[in-house]
Structure formats: C-alpha cells, structure tokens
Amino acid sequence: MAAIVTDQFRILNANNFVETVENSTNSYYVFLGLDNPTNVGFGRTSTWDTNTPNPVDNFNNMSHVGDTMMFGKKVTSANIRRLVKRVNWTQGSRYEMYRHDYSITNLSPITRSARLYDATYYVMNKNYDVYICIDNGATGISTTGNASQDEPLFTDLEPSRAGESGDGYIWKYLFTVPPSDIIKFDSTEYISVPNNWSTSTDVQIQSVRENGDSDLNNNQIKKIYVDQQGSGYSQNVVGKEVDVVGDGTGAKVVLDTNSSGQITKTIVSAGGKDYSFGMVDLGPIGNSAVSAGNYAKLIPIIPPSKGHGFDLYKELGTDKILIYARFDDSTRDFPVDTKFAQIGIVKNPTVTGSATTFTDNQYSSVNSVKLSTSSGSPTIGEKIQQTVSEGTAEGYIVSYSTDTKVLKYYQDRSLYFNQTTLDQTDYVGVTTEAKVLSFESSANNIVAPASGFQGSVDTNFTGISTNPTGNKLIPLGVNFTNGLASPEINKGSGEIIYLDNRPTITRNSRQKEDVKIILEF
C-alpha cells in the first residue's frame, strides 16, 4: 500500500512543538554538559575533539547525559522561531512563481523541484522584507520566466511590480523580520518567521493576514497562468471579463486575444473565495468554435488556505524550528572557566527533592562546595576526591572560582566502573568503590590528585551570596548549607529530546555563549 507523510504533517508537528514550548505548563531548557569528553570512560573517547562521536539514543546513554549535564537556560516564546530556507533577492536571478501544483510530474521550471517548498518562490530583500512571487512573466511558451531586475521594497498589501524595468515580476509582501529577531535568529541559511501568525495583534501582521482572508474581501485568486494559448477563439479581444468556475465563487479574469484567436494576456479582476480548484469559462469568447487540439489551457493558481498571507506557515512550509539561548555569568550559574562538549534540550526537569516541574529562567545541575582555604590550581574536568564516612567520594571538576572559592562538580557513572576495563566488569574493591558517595561537610580536604589542588570545606558557610573582600557582595547562584549546595534540578529528571555532541568549547571571560539549535520535522 502506497503512503506518504505529507508536508503538512511536518508543518503541523513544528507548529505543535512551538505551541507546547509556549504552553505555561511546560518548561523546556537548552542545556550544556560534559566538560571532559576526552577523559576515557563511559561515553567518552580520547579522539572526541577530532572525531566527535554521534550521540547514542538509549536509556543508558541518556541517563549518563543527565549525570554530566551542567547548566540550563529556559526556552521562551521570545527564543523560538519557525524557519524557512533563506532566498536573498539578487538582481538578474530568476525566481519561480508560487504554484499549488508542483509535483513529480510537474516539476518547478528552474530548480526542478517536485514540491513547492523546495522551489525558489519567495525572496528576502536587503531590508529583511519577505515577498512571495505571484508572477515571473512565465507562460507555457517560456516556462522559466524572466530575470528579476527590480528589488521589491514596498510594503503595500496588494501584489505589485517592484519597479519600471518591465521584468514581468509581481510580488506580494508578507512580513518583515524585526531587528530583535535578526540579532537572535539570523543566519546565512534560514529566515525566521514570526510567531503566532494567526492570532498576532501586531498591526502589520494583522493587516497582511486580513488582506489574505478571502472571506473578508473576495480576494483569493491572484494569478491565471497561461499554460497553452490555444487558437481559434474570438479574434483581437481586448479586456473581456469571464468567470472562473469550480468549487468557489466570485473569481473573474480579463482576457486579451490576438488575430489568431490565441489568448495573450490574463488579469485577475476579482479573486473570489473558497476555491480549491477552478477552470476559466472561455465560452463567452467562442470555445464551441475551437477545433480539437486547439483548446487553451488556463490554470487558476490557488493560494494556500483563504489567500496569500492568511496562513503563513502553510504558505512558506515552516517545518523547521530554531531555538536560541544565551549563556553568561550574570548569576554565577554558568562560570567563565568551564568547558562543554554537549548541547541539548530537556523538557520538564523537576525541582531538587520534589516532583514539581522546575520553572526558573535558568538552572545549575551540578553540585557545589564552598571552600575556606585552598592551594594549587585545579584543571577543569579532572577528578576530585574526599574521604567520607563510608569511603571515598569522587567527582569531576566543572569550575573553580578563586574569588569566591566555590568548586563545582558532577558525579557520573564512569567514576564507579572498573577503571581498567571502563565498564561493569567485576573488580576488587567493587563493594566500596562502585557505590556513589556524596561529598560531606567535614574537616576532610577535597583533593585533586592529578594537579595537586586541595581545599577544605567551609563548614560554617550558609547562604546564596558571599563578600570575600568586604567590598562587594557576590551572588553564588545556588543556596549553600554548611559549605555544600545541591543541584537545582533532580539528577536525570526531565526528558532529553535533543542532543548534540561537539568538540570541546572552552569558555572565555570576554565572551557570551550564543547557542542556536535547529530542529527539522
């Protein structure tokens, strides 16, 4: 049985994803993790940075991602946009007109695309205005149309030519990418499309949407394509208005013919409404007298939905999503000395110690220790240890601030496997060494054997800020009790719905981290 997953299904999935992100009952976060991917162990490789492995999608590996997750930034409606491929208007280029019937048997004439959304039927100008091509001067005789000479720069609602060159192009203005979206979402490959098109109260968007609503203005059909001119119709007809018949009502087209009774020109005089197909009624210019094989073929181009601009997502094929997040050290949740090699998206992590969904703007998913004294310089990603009541607690360093003496770390399963085989092979000492033990607020130092760093826990420190010099209060991002702070989310909570392994990125105190994730449905 033949079947397809349609373009509209993909667009629907993209729309549904945006809506679930914007739903206040959900919390989606972009997260960063894995600061030591070249430390050989579970999920890591010595060649990670030169031959980065693909993520493994199973419960075991996703749980490990939860172990090594470090920081998260919430995704809001301001930081998610639908995308379409970027097509810049360039003088002298040929663009395809919008048609509702591109297919494997009716390829688009320039890009030879079997689907509308792969054709070059819209452009963005130098001002970030986006237009759809209603007409490019093409006919059945010259299917590729003309080279575009006039850059569209108008923002009028009705389709119009862009200049006086006579290139034959008619453009329909759709929207302008706002400056705030250019900053966050601009790329060389994609155009960001406004959110909430169907409900937006933005004056410009509302005007375009309502102009495209043929229920309001009987203005659905904009173009009648002359695929075959025919011959033998009434000769030298000028400005004859005829009906477009089909499943809609009200559309009319004005025709011209030449001395051979060929149709030479069509102009839509009334767009009508409710058409999903149509045929031009040529009876008034004598189709009964036309001999077999000489009939004209005029194709009413049916816009998506009610008209051009009414349903922008269907019109442009928005089956891709871009998510933006910026990480900085404004709250000490994302320290400047850390590294990361994984970027992902997690849905609905929970507040530490409860089943309540975490909703704050950002989170730290690592443990923290406030030290009172320290010596040496630790290396990010190296192992730390502390002798505790049941044995030895172990972790990997995520960050250390010499200003605040706050050490951040995570504990992942690679610390507790057989350190020779790096897996679950039995080994001497498994009774104590394979058990995850927490660091403690005690007099026992925390040490990093590889670098020689060590420090004592500040067992008297409780709070969320510190003033080490007496001149400046520094927020620490997490709340400490007796020198220890837990992650803000439960380890492994939430659903990881996207994961990207990347070569290690080392932070710099002079930079912010702008993360852009593109999801294709």
Protein backbone atom coordinates (compact mmCIF):
# COMPACT_ATOMS: atom_id res chain seq x y z
CA MET A 1 0.00 0.00 0.00
CA ALA A 2 1.45 3.37 -1.05
CA ALA A 3 1.54 6.10 1.61
CA ILE A 4 3.32 9.35 2.37
CA VAL A 5 4.00 11.55 5.34
CA THR A 6 2.81 14.86 3.95
CA ASP A 7 4.47 18.26 4.10
CA GLN A 8 1.52 19.48 6.12
CA PHE A 9 2.11 16.80 8.75
CA ARG A 10 5.67 18.06 9.19
CA ILE A 11 4.48 21.65 9.41
CA LEU A 12 1.83 20.60 11.93
CA ASN A 13 4.48 18.88 14.07
CA ALA A 14 6.63 22.00 14.02
CA ASN A 15 3.62 24.13 14.99
CA ASN A 16 2.70 21.73 17.77
CA PHE A 17 6.25 21.82 19.14
CA VAL A 18 6.25 25.63 19.27
CA GLU A 19 2.88 25.60 20.98
CA THR A 20 3.98 23.09 23.62
CA VAL A 21 7.07 25.21 24.35
CA GLU A 22 4.88 28.27 24.76
CA ASN A 23 2.42 26.39 26.98
CA SER A 24 2.92 27.56 30.57
CA THR A 25 2.52 24.02 31.92
CA ASN A 26 5.80 23.00 30.26
CA SER A 27 9.41 24.03 30.85
CA TYR A 28 11.94 23.46 28.08
CA TYR A 29 15.63 24.20 28.65
CA VAL A 30 18.70 24.33 26.46
CA PHE A 31 21.49 22.71 28.46
CA LEU A 32 25.27 22.42 28.29
CA GLY A 33 27.22 19.48 29.61
CA LEU A 34 30.25 17.16 29.61
CA ASP A 35 33.32 19.25 30.38
CA ASN A 36 35.81 16.36 29.99
CA PRO A 37 34.88 14.36 26.88
CA THR A 38 38.46 13.19 26.22
CA ASN A 39 38.83 11.58 29.66
CA VAL A 40 38.45 7.98 28.55
CA GLY A 41 35.46 6.43 30.27
CA PHE A 42 31.79 5.81 29.74
CA GLY A 43 30.63 7.69 26.62
CA ARG A 44 33.96 9.47 26.19
CA THR A 45 36.80 8.98 23.70
CA SER A 46 40.37 10.25 23.54
CA THR A 47 39.67 11.50 20.00
CA TRP A 48 36.42 13.27 20.83
CA ASP A 49 37.62 16.68 19.63
CA THR A 50 38.93 15.41 16.27
CA ASN A 51 36.42 12.62 15.65
CA THR A 52 33.35 13.58 17.64
CA PRO A 53 31.06 10.55 18.08
CA ASN A 54 27.38 10.56 17.26
CA PRO A 55 25.07 10.57 20.28
CA VAL A 56 23.68 7.17 21.28
CA ASP A 57 19.91 7.17 21.76
CA ASN A 58 19.17 4.68 24.50
CA PHE A 59 18.17 4.92 28.14
CA ASN A 60 21.68 4.13 29.39
CA ASN A 61 23.40 6.89 27.45
CA MET A 62 20.66 9.45 28.05
CA SER A 63 20.96 8.78 31.77
CA HIS A 64 24.67 9.49 31.51
CA VAL A 65 23.87 12.80 29.81
CA GLY A 66 21.81 13.57 32.91
CA ASP A 67 24.91 12.81 35.01
CA THR A 68 27.13 15.23 33.10
CA MET A 69 24.58 17.98 32.43
CA MET A 70 25.82 21.25 33.94
CA PHE A 71 23.68 24.32 33.17
CA GLY A 72 20.32 25.07 31.58
CA LYS A 73 18.59 28.14 30.10
CA LYS A 74 14.81 28.25 29.68
CA VAL A 75 13.28 28.42 26.21
CA THR A 76 10.54 31.05 25.96
CA SER A 77 8.35 32.29 23.12
CA ALA A 78 10.91 35.07 22.61
CA ASN A 79 13.60 32.49 21.88
CA ILE A 80 11.92 30.10 19.45
CA ARG A 81 11.00 30.70 15.81
CA ARG A 82 9.83 28.73 12.81
CA LEU A 83 12.29 28.77 9.90
CA VAL A 84 12.30 28.65 6.12
CA LYS A 85 15.32 28.43 3.87
CA ARG A 86 16.86 31.79 3.05
CA VAL A 87 16.48 33.10 -0.52
CA ASN A 88 18.04 36.54 -0.98
CA TRP A 89 16.81 38.69 -3.83
CA THR A 90 19.65 39.20 -6.31
CA GLN A 91 19.38 41.27 -9.45
CA GLY A 92 19.47 39.15 -12.58
CA SER A 93 18.35 35.95 -10.87
CA ARG A 94 15.28 34.02 -11.92
CA TYR A 95 12.69 33.12 -9.29
CA GLU A 96 9.84 30.68 -9.55
CA MET A 97 6.25 31.76 -9.13
CA TYR A 98 4.08 30.27 -6.44
CA ARG A 99 2.07 27.34 -7.76
CA HIS A 100 -0.12 24.89 -5.92
CA ASP A 101 0.58 22.01 -8.31
CA TYR A 102 4.33 21.36 -8.37
CA SER A 103 4.86 17.59 -8.26
CA ILE A 104 7.00 14.76 -9.59
CA THR A 105 5.09 15.06 -12.87
CA ASN A 106 5.07 18.88 -12.86
CA LEU A 107 8.49 19.96 -11.67
CA SER A 108 9.19 23.60 -10.88
CA PRO A 109 10.83 25.04 -14.00
CA ILE A 110 14.06 26.45 -12.54
CA THR A 111 15.06 24.31 -9.54
CA ARG A 112 13.26 21.23 -10.91
CA SER A 113 11.65 20.68 -7.54
CA ALA A 114 8.88 18.14 -7.03
CA ARG A 115 7.43 20.09 -4.11
CA LEU A 116 6.56 23.72 -3.64
CA TYR A 117 8.72 24.16 -0.56
CA ASP A 118 11.91 23.30 -2.45
CA ALA A 119 11.21 25.88 -5.16
CA THR A 120 12.55 29.46 -5.06
CA TYR A 121 9.14 31.15 -4.96
CA TYR A 122 9.83 33.76 -2.27
CA VAL A 123 12.68 36.18 -1.53
CA MET A 124 14.01 38.42 1.22
CA ASN A 125 15.26 41.88 0.28
CA LYS A 126 18.06 43.97 1.82
CA ASN A 127 15.65 45.36 4.44
CA TYR A 128 14.65 41.87 5.65
CA ASP A 129 11.23 42.19 3.98
CA VAL A 130 9.89 38.88 2.65
CA TYR A 131 7.81 38.56 -0.52
CA ILE A 132 6.16 35.74 -2.44
CA CYS A 133 6.40 35.68 -6.23
CA ILE A 134 2.93 35.83 -7.75
CA ASP A 135 4.16 36.19 -11.34
CA ASN A 136 7.57 35.98 -13.01
CA GLY A 137 6.48 36.51 -16.61
CA ALA A 138 6.36 32.77 -17.31
CA THR A 139 3.93 31.10 -19.72
CA GLY A 140 3.69 27.69 -21.27
CA ILE A 141 5.89 29.05 -24.06
CA SER A 142 8.59 30.44 -21.74
CA THR A 143 8.27 28.38 -18.58
CA THR A 144 11.27 29.76 -16.66
CA GLY A 145 10.07 33.35 -16.81
CA ASN A 146 12.33 36.37 -16.76
CA ALA A 147 15.37 37.54 -14.84
CA SER A 148 14.33 39.77 -11.94
CA GLN A 149 15.63 43.33 -12.33
CA ASP A 150 13.74 45.33 -9.68
CA GLU A 151 14.20 44.60 -5.99
CA PRO A 152 10.86 44.61 -4.17
CA LEU A 153 10.96 47.27 -1.46
CA PHE A 154 7.29 48.13 -0.93
CA THR A 155 5.13 47.01 1.98
CA ASP A 156 1.75 47.62 0.37
CA LEU A 157 -0.75 44.83 0.86
CA GLU A 158 -1.74 44.19 -2.75
CA PRO A 159 0.60 42.37 -5.16
CA SER A 160 2.61 44.78 -7.25
CA ARG A 161 5.55 45.09 -9.59
CA ALA A 162 8.74 46.30 -7.92
CA GLY A 163 9.94 48.84 -10.48
CA GLU A 164 9.74 50.08 -14.04
CA SER A 165 12.06 47.63 -15.80
CA GLY A 166 9.19 45.59 -17.18
CA ASP A 167 10.71 42.32 -15.90
CA GLY A 168 7.23 40.85 -15.53
CA TYR A 169 7.52 40.13 -11.80
CA ILE A 170 4.61 40.65 -9.42
CA TRP A 171 5.44 40.36 -5.71
CA LYS A 172 3.22 40.00 -2.65
CA TYR A 173 4.59 41.41 0.61
CA LEU A 174 4.30 39.01 3.56
CA PHE A 175 6.30 40.23 6.57
CA THR A 176 9.44 41.95 7.82
CA VAL A 177 11.92 40.21 10.12
CA PRO A 178 12.19 42.54 13.15
CA PRO A 179 15.62 43.73 14.41
CA SER A 180 15.28 41.70 17.63
CA ASP A 181 14.83 38.51 15.60
CA ILE A 182 17.75 39.39 13.33
CA ILE A 183 20.03 39.56 16.37
CA LYS A 184 18.93 36.19 17.73
CA PHE A 185 17.94 34.11 14.75
CA ASP A 186 19.69 35.50 11.67
CA SER A 187 21.76 33.04 9.63
CA THR A 188 23.06 32.63 6.12
CA GLU A 189 20.78 29.63 5.56
CA TYR A 190 17.42 30.49 7.11
CA ILE A 191 14.79 33.19 7.56
CA SER A 192 12.95 33.35 10.89
CA VAL A 193 9.16 33.57 10.63
CA PRO A 194 7.02 35.45 13.20
CA ASN A 195 5.29 33.50 15.96
CA ASN A 196 1.53 33.36 16.48
CA TRP A 197 0.72 34.47 12.93
CA SER A 198 -2.97 33.56 13.19
CA THR A 199 -3.52 35.45 16.46
CA SER A 200 -0.89 38.21 16.46
CA THR A 201 -2.14 41.73 17.17
CA ASP A 202 0.89 43.32 15.53
CA VAL A 203 -0.61 45.90 13.18
CA GLN A 204 1.45 44.91 10.12
CA ILE A 205 0.92 41.18 10.59
CA GLN A 206 -2.78 41.64 11.21
CA SER A 207 -3.10 43.73 8.05
CA VAL A 208 -1.37 41.10 5.88
CA ARG A 209 -3.40 38.29 7.47
CA GLU A 210 -6.73 40.04 6.98
CA ASN A 211 -5.81 41.04 3.42
CA GLY A 212 -5.27 37.34 2.73
CA ASP A 213 -8.65 36.38 4.16
CA SER A 214 -10.94 35.96 1.15
CA ASP A 215 -13.93 35.63 3.47
CA LEU A 216 -13.43 39.32 4.19
CA ASN A 217 -12.55 40.63 0.74
CA ASN A 218 -13.30 38.03 -2.00
CA ASN A 219 -9.66 38.28 -3.00
CA GLN A 220 -8.36 34.70 -3.13
CA ILE A 221 -7.03 34.04 -6.63
CA LYS A 222 -4.27 36.39 -7.79
CA LYS A 223 -2.95 34.71 -10.95
CA ILE A 224 -4.26 32.82 -14.00
CA TYR A 225 -1.33 31.04 -15.67
CA VAL A 226 -1.40 30.70 -19.47
CA ASP A 227 -0.08 27.20 -19.97
CA GLN A 228 -1.40 26.87 -23.53
CA GLN A 229 -2.61 29.86 -25.57
CA GLY A 230 -4.87 27.84 -27.83
CA SER A 231 -6.17 29.26 -31.11
CA GLY A 232 -9.44 29.86 -32.90
CA TYR A 233 -11.09 31.87 -30.14
CA SER A 234 -12.66 35.26 -30.85
CA GLN A 235 -10.02 37.40 -32.52
CA ASN A 236 -8.50 40.64 -31.19
CA VAL A 237 -10.46 40.56 -27.97
CA VAL A 238 -9.41 43.27 -25.52
CA GLY A 239 -10.46 43.24 -21.88
CA LYS A 240 -13.13 40.57 -22.00
CA GLU A 241 -14.16 39.53 -18.46
CA VAL A 242 -15.10 35.89 -17.91
CA ASP A 243 -15.81 33.73 -14.88
CA VAL A 244 -13.62 31.26 -13.03
CA VAL A 245 -15.83 28.28 -12.23
CA GLY A 246 -15.12 25.46 -9.82
CA ASP A 247 -15.82 24.84 -6.15
CA GLY A 248 -15.51 28.54 -5.23
CA THR A 249 -17.41 31.64 -6.17
CA GLY A 250 -16.81 35.15 -7.44
CA ALA A 251 -13.48 34.93 -9.30
CA LYS A 252 -13.22 36.65 -12.68
CA VAL A 253 -10.44 37.17 -15.19
CA VAL A 254 -9.99 39.71 -18.01
CA LEU A 255 -8.63 38.25 -21.28
CA ASP A 256 -6.99 39.52 -24.47
CA THR A 257 -6.58 37.57 -27.71
CA ASN A 258 -4.65 38.20 -30.91
CA SER A 259 -5.61 37.95 -34.59
CA SER A 260 -5.23 34.16 -34.48
CA GLY A 261 -7.62 33.86 -31.56
CA GLN A 262 -4.77 32.98 -29.16
CA ILE A 263 -5.06 34.09 -25.57
CA THR A 264 -2.22 36.54 -24.97
CA LYS A 265 -2.98 38.09 -21.61
CA THR A 266 -4.88 37.35 -18.40
CA ILE A 267 -5.50 39.70 -15.49
CA VAL A 268 -7.50 38.65 -12.44
CA SER A 269 -10.24 41.22 -11.92
CA ALA A 270 -11.89 39.53 -8.94
CA GLY A 271 -10.26 36.90 -6.72
CA GLY A 272 -13.38 35.30 -5.31
CA LYS A 273 -13.28 32.84 -2.43
CA ASP A 274 -13.43 29.18 -1.40
CA TYR A 275 -11.61 27.77 -4.43
CA SER A 276 -9.55 24.60 -4.20
CA PHE A 277 -9.69 24.21 -8.00
CA GLY A 278 -11.00 26.27 -10.86
CA MET A 279 -11.41 26.47 -14.63
CA VAL A 280 -11.72 29.59 -16.73
CA ASP A 281 -15.02 29.63 -18.62
CA LEU A 282 -13.99 30.53 -22.18
CA GLY A 283 -17.46 30.05 -23.61
CA PRO A 284 -18.02 33.83 -23.99
CA ILE A 285 -15.13 34.04 -26.47
CA GLY A 286 -16.27 31.12 -28.56
CA ASN A 287 -14.77 27.90 -27.25
CA SER A 288 -17.56 25.99 -29.03
CA ALA A 289 -16.00 27.02 -32.34
CA VAL A 290 -12.44 25.91 -31.39
CA SER A 291 -11.32 22.75 -33.11
CA ALA A 292 -9.96 19.75 -31.23
CA GLY A 293 -6.32 20.14 -30.30
CA ASN A 294 -6.51 23.94 -30.24
CA TYR A 295 -8.05 24.47 -26.84
CA ALA A 296 -6.34 26.85 -24.44
CA LYS A 297 -5.16 25.72 -21.02
CA LEU A 298 -5.50 28.40 -18.36
CA ILE A 299 -4.59 27.40 -14.80
CA PRO A 300 -6.01 29.40 -11.88
CA ILE A 301 -3.24 29.41 -9.26
CA ILE A 302 -4.89 28.53 -5.95
CA PRO A 303 -3.28 30.13 -2.86
CA PRO A 304 -2.99 28.14 0.36
CA SER A 305 -5.98 28.37 2.63
CA LYS A 306 -8.03 31.50 2.04
CA GLY A 307 -5.38 33.57 0.28
CA HIS A 308 -1.76 34.69 0.20
CA GLY A 309 -0.68 35.82 3.66
CA PHE A 310 -3.54 34.27 5.61
CA ASP A 311 -1.73 31.10 6.75
CA LEU A 312 1.96 31.99 6.54
CA TYR A 313 3.21 28.67 7.92
CA LYS A 314 1.41 26.65 5.24
CA GLU A 315 2.37 29.14 2.54
CA LEU A 316 6.11 29.03 3.28
CA GLY A 317 6.40 25.48 4.61
CA THR A 318 7.71 26.09 8.13
CA ASP A 319 8.84 22.56 9.04
CA LYS A 320 11.99 23.71 10.86
CA ILE A 321 12.42 25.35 14.26
CA LEU A 322 15.29 27.44 15.66
CA ILE A 323 15.82 27.66 19.40
CA TYR A 324 18.11 30.34 20.80
CA ALA A 325 19.77 30.54 24.21
CA ARG A 326 22.43 32.86 25.59
CA PHE A 327 24.62 31.76 28.48
CA ASP A 328 26.59 34.26 30.54
CA ASP A 329 27.98 34.55 34.06
CA SER A 330 25.49 37.12 35.32
CA THR A 331 24.26 34.82 38.12
CA ARG A 332 27.30 32.51 38.50
CA ASP A 333 25.21 29.61 37.16
CA PHE A 334 27.42 29.48 34.07
CA PRO A 335 31.01 30.17 35.16
CA VAL A 336 33.60 31.58 32.77
CA ASP A 337 36.24 28.92 33.40
CA THR A 338 34.21 25.88 32.43
CA LYS A 339 34.12 23.81 29.22
CA PHE A 340 31.36 21.89 27.47
CA ALA A 341 31.07 19.32 24.69
CA GLN A 342 27.35 18.57 24.67
CA ILE A 343 24.35 20.76 23.91
CA GLY A 344 20.80 19.54 24.30
CA ILE A 345 17.19 20.25 25.13
CA VAL A 346 15.42 18.84 28.16
CA LYS A 347 11.70 19.01 28.86
CA ASN A 348 10.24 19.44 32.35
CA PRO A 349 13.12 18.76 34.75
CA THR A 350 11.96 18.77 38.37
CA VAL A 351 12.97 20.79 41.41
CA THR A 352 15.52 19.06 43.62
CA GLY A 353 13.80 16.98 46.28
CA SER A 354 10.33 17.21 44.73
CA ALA A 355 8.24 16.21 41.74
CA THR A 356 7.42 19.81 40.86
CA THR A 357 8.45 20.99 37.41
CA PHE A 358 11.32 23.47 37.52
CA THR A 359 10.23 26.83 36.07
CA ASP A 360 13.00 29.36 36.77
CA ASN A 361 14.79 31.09 33.90
CA GLN A 362 17.95 29.00 34.33
CA TYR A 363 19.39 26.25 36.46
CA SER A 364 22.62 24.74 37.68
CA SER A 365 22.56 20.93 37.65
CA VAL A 366 25.95 20.45 39.34
CA ASN A 367 26.95 20.19 42.97
CA SER A 368 28.93 22.97 44.65
CA VAL A 369 31.32 23.25 47.57
CA LYS A 370 32.37 26.47 49.29
CA LEU A 371 35.98 26.18 50.40
CA SER A 372 37.54 28.14 53.22
CA THR A 373 41.15 27.59 52.12
CA SER A 374 42.75 26.09 49.03
CA SER A 375 46.12 25.50 47.43
CA GLY A 376 47.19 24.74 43.90
CA SER A 377 45.36 25.26 40.60
CA PRO A 378 42.80 22.64 39.55
CA THR A 379 42.22 21.54 35.97
CA ILE A 380 38.68 21.65 34.60
CA GLY A 381 37.41 18.10 34.15
CA GLU A 382 39.88 16.40 36.48
CA LYS A 383 38.89 14.03 39.26
CA ILE A 384 38.43 15.20 42.84
CA GLN A 385 38.14 13.03 45.96
CA GLN A 386 37.19 13.32 49.61
CA THR A 387 37.39 10.76 52.37
CA VAL A 388 33.86 10.44 53.77
CA SER A 389 32.20 8.27 56.39
CA GLU A 390 31.55 5.31 54.06
CA GLY A 391 34.63 5.51 51.86
CA THR A 392 35.76 7.92 49.14
CA ALA A 393 33.51 10.41 47.35
CA GLU A 394 34.55 11.22 43.80
CA GLY A 395 33.59 13.74 41.16
CA TYR A 396 34.81 15.73 38.16
CA ILE A 397 35.58 19.44 38.41
CA VAL A 398 33.27 21.73 36.41
CA SER A 399 34.54 25.08 37.69
CA TYR A 400 36.57 26.72 40.42
CA SER A 401 36.41 30.42 41.28
CA THR A 402 39.43 31.84 43.06
CA ASP A 403 37.32 34.89 44.01
CA THR A 404 34.56 33.03 45.81
CA LYS A 405 36.35 29.72 46.44
CA VAL A 406 33.34 27.86 45.04
CA LEU A 407 34.14 24.49 43.47
CA LYS A 408 31.51 22.99 41.13
CA TYR A 409 31.50 19.32 40.16
CA TYR A 410 29.40 16.44 38.90
CA GLN A 411 29.47 12.72 39.60
CA ASP A 412 28.91 10.35 36.68
CA ARG A 413 28.93 6.58 36.33
CA SER A 414 32.37 6.38 34.73
CA LEU A 415 33.85 7.07 38.18
CA TYR A 416 32.42 3.83 39.56
CA PHE A 417 33.05 1.33 36.79
CA ASN A 418 36.10 -0.91 36.63
CA GLN A 419 38.80 1.67 35.90
CA THR A 420 40.77 -0.81 33.80
CA THR A 421 38.00 -2.03 31.51
CA LEU A 422 35.85 1.10 31.94
CA ASP A 423 32.69 -0.98 32.17
CA GLN A 424 30.77 -3.23 34.55
CA THR A 425 33.42 -5.97 34.66
CA ASP A 426 33.90 -7.22 38.21
CA TYR A 427 36.91 -5.90 40.09
CA VAL A 428 38.47 -5.98 43.56
CA GLY A 429 37.03 -3.19 45.66
CA VAL A 430 33.66 -3.08 43.93
CA THR A 431 31.91 -3.22 47.32
CA THR A 432 33.03 0.28 48.24
CA GLU A 433 34.35 1.82 45.05
CA ALA A 434 31.26 1.24 42.89
CA LYS A 435 28.90 2.96 45.29
CA VAL A 436 28.13 6.63 44.67
CA LEU A 437 29.02 8.58 47.82
CA SER A 438 28.26 12.24 48.40
CA PHE A 439 30.83 14.82 49.42
CA GLU A 440 30.42 15.88 53.03
CA SER A 441 30.63 18.99 55.13
CA SER A 442 33.59 17.88 57.20
CA ALA A 443 37.17 18.67 58.08
CA ASN A 444 38.47 16.26 55.44
CA ASN A 445 40.02 18.06 52.49
CA ILE A 446 38.83 17.75 48.92
CA VAL A 447 41.82 16.88 46.77
CA ALA A 448 42.56 16.63 43.04
CA PRO A 449 45.41 14.11 42.78
CA ALA A 450 46.40 14.92 39.19
CA SER A 451 47.00 18.64 39.70
CA GLY A 452 47.76 18.62 43.42
CA PHE A 453 44.91 21.04 44.17
CA GLN A 454 43.24 20.72 47.55
CA GLY A 455 40.90 22.68 49.76
CA SER A 456 38.97 22.49 53.00
CA VAL A 457 35.18 22.77 53.12
CA ASP A 458 33.88 25.99 54.70
CA THR A 459 31.58 24.15 57.09
CA ASN A 460 30.35 27.43 58.61
CA PHE A 461 29.14 28.96 55.33
CA THR A 462 25.42 29.09 54.67
CA GLY A 463 23.70 31.34 52.15
CA ILE A 464 23.43 32.30 48.49
CA SER A 465 26.00 35.11 48.34
CA THR A 466 29.43 35.92 49.68
CA ASN A 467 31.52 39.03 50.32
CA PRO A 468 35.13 37.77 50.33
CA THR A 469 36.79 41.20 50.27
CA GLY A 470 34.20 43.08 52.32
CA ASN A 471 33.65 45.48 49.41
CA LYS A 472 31.39 43.55 47.04
CA LEU A 473 28.53 41.13 47.56
CA ILE A 474 28.80 38.29 45.01
CA PRO A 475 25.75 36.13 44.24
CA LEU A 476 26.58 32.43 44.01
CA GLY A 477 23.51 31.27 42.09
CA VAL A 478 22.74 28.37 44.44
CA ASN A 479 21.97 28.16 48.15
CA PHE A 480 24.67 26.68 50.42
CA THR A 481 24.21 24.90 53.73
CA ASN A 482 27.34 24.24 55.78
CA GLY A 483 29.52 24.76 52.72
CA LEU A 484 27.57 22.46 50.35
CA ALA A 485 24.98 23.19 47.66
CA SER A 486 22.87 20.72 45.73
CA PRO A 487 21.86 20.99 42.06
CA GLU A 488 18.71 22.99 41.40
CA ILE A 489 17.09 20.11 39.50
CA ASN A 490 16.82 16.42 40.28
CA LYS A 491 19.57 14.45 38.58
CA GLY A 492 18.27 12.73 35.46
CA SER A 493 14.85 14.35 35.64
CA GLY A 494 13.01 15.52 32.56
CA GLU A 495 13.03 14.15 29.03
CA ILE A 496 16.08 14.79 26.84
CA ILE A 497 14.58 15.41 23.41
CA TYR A 498 17.67 16.67 21.58
CA LEU A 499 21.40 16.05 21.98
CA ASP A 500 24.39 17.31 20.01
CA ASN A 501 27.97 16.18 20.61
CA ARG A 502 30.54 18.85 19.72
CA PRO A 503 34.30 19.35 20.00
CA THR A 504 35.14 20.81 23.40
CA ILE A 505 34.34 24.51 23.74
CA THR A 506 36.39 26.41 26.31
CA ARG A 507 34.76 29.47 27.80
CA ASN A 508 36.38 32.87 27.78
CA SER A 509 35.65 35.61 30.30
CA ARG A 510 35.22 38.12 27.46
CA GLN A 511 32.54 36.19 25.59
CA LYS A 512 28.96 35.11 25.93
CA GLU A 513 27.78 31.79 24.54
CA ASP A 514 25.01 32.11 21.95
CA VAL A 515 23.55 28.68 21.23
CA LYS A 516 21.30 28.09 18.20
CA ILE A 517 19.62 24.73 17.72
CA ILE A 518 17.74 23.89 14.52
CA LEU A 519 15.13 21.13 14.65
CA GLU A 520 13.71 19.72 11.42
CA PHE A 521 10.39 17.91 11.45
